[in-house]
Amino acid sequence: MPRDQGSVTDQELEALRDGMAKQGEALREALAEDLGGDPDDY
């Protein structure tokens, strides 16, 4: 049964985007460290 969680604010969306960007950067850095190359390659 779905429940109404209310609206998401612009600030909450921006915080989510920032968190996702930081997580992506950390992932690319880890891949570059483990597999070689530059983080931008991933």
PDB file of N, CA and C in Angstrom:
ATOM      1  N   MET A   1       0.838  -1.166   0.000  1.00  0.00           N
ATOM      2  CA  MET A   1       0.000   0.000   0.000  1.00  0.00           C
ATOM      3  C   MET A   1       0.895   1.246   0.000  1.00  0.00           C
ATOM      4  N   PRO A   2       0.821   2.078  -1.027  1.00  0.00           N
ATOM      5  CA  PRO A   2       1.661   3.288  -1.061  1.00  0.00           C
ATOM      6  C   PRO A   2       1.226   4.270   0.013  1.00  0.00           C
ATOM      7  N   ARG A   3       2.175   5.027   0.460  1.00  0.00           N
ATOM      8  CA  ARG A   3       1.851   6.062   1.430  1.00  0.00           C
ATOM      9  C   ARG A   3       2.354   7.405   0.923  1.00  0.00           C
ATOM     10  N   ASP A   4       1.659   8.442   1.290  1.00  0.00           N
ATOM     11  CA  ASP A   4       2.019   9.787   0.866  1.00  0.00           C
ATOM     12  C   ASP A   4       3.171  10.281   1.722  1.00  0.00           C
ATOM     13  N   GLN A   5       4.307  10.521   1.088  1.00  0.00           N
ATOM     14  CA  GLN A   5       5.481  10.976   1.812  1.00  0.00           C
ATOM     15  C   GLN A   5       5.652  12.489   1.713  1.00  0.00           C
ATOM     16  N   GLY A   6       4.766  13.160   1.053  1.00  0.00           N
ATOM     17  CA  GLY A   6       4.851  14.604   0.937  1.00  0.00           C
ATOM     18  C   GLY A   6       5.803  15.037  -0.159  1.00  0.00           C
ATOM     19  N   SER A   7       5.890  16.324  -0.320  1.00  0.00           N
ATOM     20  CA  SER A   7       6.745  16.900  -1.354  1.00  0.00           C
ATOM     21  C   SER A   7       8.191  16.967  -0.895  1.00  0.00           C
ATOM     22  N   VAL A   8       9.079  16.923  -1.852  1.00  0.00           N
ATOM     23  CA  VAL A   8      10.504  17.077  -1.590  1.00  0.00           C
ATOM     24  C   VAL A   8      10.873  18.512  -1.922  1.00  0.00           C
ATOM     25  N   THR A   9      11.610  19.142  -1.026  1.00  0.00           N
ATOM     26  CA  THR A   9      11.987  20.537  -1.250  1.00  0.00           C
ATOM     27  C   THR A   9      13.160  20.633  -2.217  1.00  0.00           C
ATOM     28  N   ASP A  10      13.335  21.817  -2.764  1.00  0.00           N
ATOM     29  CA  ASP A  10      14.486  22.058  -3.645  1.00  0.00           C
ATOM     30  C   ASP A  10      15.799  21.840  -2.893  1.00  0.00           C
ATOM     31  N   GLN A  11      15.834  22.205  -1.626  1.00  0.00           N
ATOM     32  CA  GLN A  11      17.037  22.015  -0.817  1.00  0.00           C
ATOM     33  C   GLN A  11      17.343  20.533  -0.629  1.00  0.00           C
ATOM     34  N   GLU A  12      16.319  19.740  -0.412  1.00  0.00           N
ATOM     35  CA  GLU A  12      16.520  18.302  -0.260  1.00  0.00           C
ATOM     36  C   GLU A  12      17.016  17.683  -1.563  1.00  0.00           C
ATOM     37  N   LEU A  13      16.475  18.124  -2.678  1.00  0.00           N
ATOM     38  CA  LEU A  13      16.937  17.618  -3.978  1.00  0.00           C
ATOM     39  C   LEU A  13      18.383  18.004  -4.235  1.00  0.00           C
ATOM     40  N   GLU A  14      18.737  19.232  -3.898  1.00  0.00           N
ATOM     41  CA  GLU A  14      20.117  19.691  -4.095  1.00  0.00           C
ATOM     42  C   GLU A  14      21.072  18.892  -3.212  1.00  0.00           C
ATOM     43  N   ALA A  15      20.682  18.619  -1.976  1.00  0.00           N
ATOM     44  CA  ALA A  15      21.514  17.823  -1.078  1.00  0.00           C
ATOM     45  C   ALA A  15      21.691  16.406  -1.627  1.00  0.00           C
ATOM     46  N   LEU A  16      20.638  15.841  -2.180  1.00  0.00           N
ATOM     47  CA  LEU A  16      20.720  14.513  -2.781  1.00  0.00           C
ATOM     48  C   LEU A  16      21.663  14.519  -3.982  1.00  0.00           C
ATOM     49  N   ARG A  17      21.523  15.528  -4.831  1.00  0.00           N
ATOM     50  CA  ARG A  17      22.413  15.635  -6.002  1.00  0.00           C
ATOM     51  C   ARG A  17      23.867  15.765  -5.581  1.00  0.00           C
ATOM     52  N   ASP A  18      24.129  16.588  -4.565  1.00  0.00           N
ATOM     53  CA  ASP A  18      25.494  16.758  -4.081  1.00  0.00           C
ATOM     54  C   ASP A  18      26.053  15.440  -3.542  1.00  0.00           C
ATOM     55  N   GLY A  19      25.247  14.746  -2.765  1.00  0.00           N
ATOM     56  CA  GLY A  19      25.676  13.467  -2.219  1.00  0.00           C
ATOM     57  C   GLY A  19      25.968  12.439  -3.297  1.00  0.00           C
ATOM     58  N   MET A  20      25.125  12.415  -4.316  1.00  0.00           N
ATOM     59  CA  MET A  20      25.339  11.479  -5.427  1.00  0.00           C
ATOM     60  C   MET A  20      26.610  11.825  -6.201  1.00  0.00           C
ATOM     61  N   ALA A  21      26.867  13.111  -6.389  1.00  0.00           N
ATOM     62  CA  ALA A  21      28.074  13.542  -7.100  1.00  0.00           C
ATOM     63  C   ALA A  21      29.323  13.144  -6.316  1.00  0.00           C
ATOM     64  N   LYS A  22      29.299  13.332  -5.003  1.00  0.00           N
ATOM     65  CA  LYS A  22      30.444  12.963  -4.170  1.00  0.00           C
ATOM     66  C   LYS A  22      30.650  11.455  -4.172  1.00  0.00           C
ATOM     67  N   GLN A  23      29.558  10.704  -4.130  1.00  0.00           N
ATOM     68  CA  GLN A  23      29.660   9.256  -4.153  1.00  0.00           C
ATOM     69  C   GLN A  23      30.230   8.781  -5.495  1.00  0.00           C
ATOM     70  N   GLY A  24      29.782   9.396  -6.581  1.00  0.00           N
ATOM     71  CA  GLY A  24      30.304   9.046  -7.899  1.00  0.00           C
ATOM     72  C   GLY A  24      31.781   9.340  -8.022  1.00  0.00           C
ATOM     73  N   GLU A  25      32.200  10.476  -7.463  1.00  0.00           N
ATOM     74  CA  GLU A  25      33.613  10.833  -7.503  1.00  0.00           C
ATOM     75  C   GLU A  25      34.448   9.820  -6.718  1.00  0.00           C
ATOM     76  N   ALA A  26      33.973   9.434  -5.542  1.00  0.00           N
ATOM     77  CA  ALA A  26      34.685   8.449  -4.728  1.00  0.00           C
ATOM     78  C   ALA A  26      34.762   7.105  -5.456  1.00  0.00           C
ATOM     79  N   LEU A  27      33.698   6.722  -6.133  1.00  0.00           N
ATOM     80  CA  LEU A  27      33.682   5.472  -6.879  1.00  0.00           C
ATOM     81  C   LEU A  27      34.694   5.506  -8.024  1.00  0.00           C
ATOM     82  N   ARG A  28      34.713   6.608  -8.769  1.00  0.00           N
ATOM     83  CA  ARG A  28      35.682   6.727  -9.872  1.00  0.00           C
ATOM     84  C   ARG A  28      37.113   6.691  -9.360  1.00  0.00           C
ATOM     85  N   GLU A  29      37.371   7.337  -8.226  1.00  0.00           N
ATOM     86  CA  GLU A  29      38.711   7.318  -7.649  1.00  0.00           C
ATOM     87  C   GLU A  29      39.097   5.901  -7.209  1.00  0.00           C
ATOM     88  N   ALA A  30      38.162   5.178  -6.619  1.00  0.00           N
ATOM     89  CA  ALA A  30      38.441   3.803  -6.192  1.00  0.00           C
ATOM     90  C   ALA A  30      38.703   2.892  -7.398  1.00  0.00           C
ATOM     91  N   LEU A  31      37.927   3.062  -8.451  1.00  0.00           N
ATOM     92  CA  LEU A  31      38.159   2.264  -9.654  1.00  0.00           C
ATOM     93  C   LEU A  31      39.526   2.558 -10.248  1.00  0.00           C
ATOM     94  N   ALA A  32      39.900   3.813 -10.308  1.00  0.00           N
ATOM     95  CA  ALA A  32      41.201   4.183 -10.854  1.00  0.00           C
ATOM     96  C   ALA A  32      42.322   3.604 -10.002  1.00  0.00           C
ATOM     97  N   GLU A  33      42.136   3.611  -8.693  1.00  0.00           N
ATOM     98  CA  GLU A  33      43.147   3.052  -7.804  1.00  0.00           C
ATOM     99  C   GLU A  33      43.264   1.543  -7.987  1.00  0.00           C
ATOM    100  N   ASP A  34      42.120   0.870  -8.078  1.00  0.00           N
ATOM    101  CA  ASP A  34      42.128  -0.584  -8.191  1.00  0.00           C
ATOM    102  C   ASP A  34      42.508  -1.081  -9.581  1.00  0.00           C
ATOM    103  N   LEU A  35      42.030  -0.390 -10.611  1.00  0.00           N
ATOM    104  CA  LEU A  35      42.209  -0.880 -11.969  1.00  0.00           C
ATOM    105  C   LEU A  35      43.237  -0.102 -12.778  1.00  0.00           C
ATOM    106  N   GLY A  36      43.702   1.009 -12.232  1.00  0.00           N
ATOM    107  CA  GLY A  36      44.666   1.847 -12.935  1.00  0.00           C
ATOM    108  C   GLY A  36      43.951   2.861 -13.809  1.00  0.00           C
ATOM    109  N   GLY A  37      44.688   3.836 -14.222  1.00  0.00           N
ATOM    110  CA  GLY A  37      44.122   4.868 -15.076  1.00  0.00           C
ATOM    111  C   GLY A  37      43.742   6.088 -14.270  1.00  0.00           C
ATOM    112  N   ASP A  38      43.026   6.947 -14.929  1.00  0.00           N
ATOM    113  CA  ASP A  38      42.601   8.222 -14.366  1.00  0.00           C
ATOM    114  C   ASP A  38      41.140   8.121 -13.948  1.00  0.00           C
ATOM    115  N   PRO A  39      40.773   8.738 -12.827  1.00  0.00           N
ATOM    116  CA  PRO A  39      39.358   8.688 -12.415  1.00  0.00           C
ATOM    117  C   PRO A  39      38.400   9.164 -13.497  1.00  0.00           C
ATOM    118  N   ASP A  40      38.835  10.090 -14.333  1.00  0.00           N
ATOM    119  CA  ASP A  40      37.967  10.580 -15.406  1.00  0.00           C
ATOM    120  C   ASP A  40      37.699   9.524 -16.481  1.00  0.00           C
ATOM    121  N   ASP A  41      38.537   8.457 -16.491  1.00  0.00           N
ATOM    122  CA  ASP A  41      38.323   7.367 -17.448  1.00  0.00           C
ATOM    123  C   ASP A  41      37.086   6.546 -17.107  1.00  0.00           C
ATOM    124  N   TYR A  42      36.650   6.663 -15.870  1.00  0.00           N
ATOM    125  CA  TYR A  42      35.515   5.859 -15.416  1.00  0.00           C
ATOM    126  C   TYR A  42      34.344   6.757 -15.238  1.00  0.00           C
TER     127      TYR A  42
END
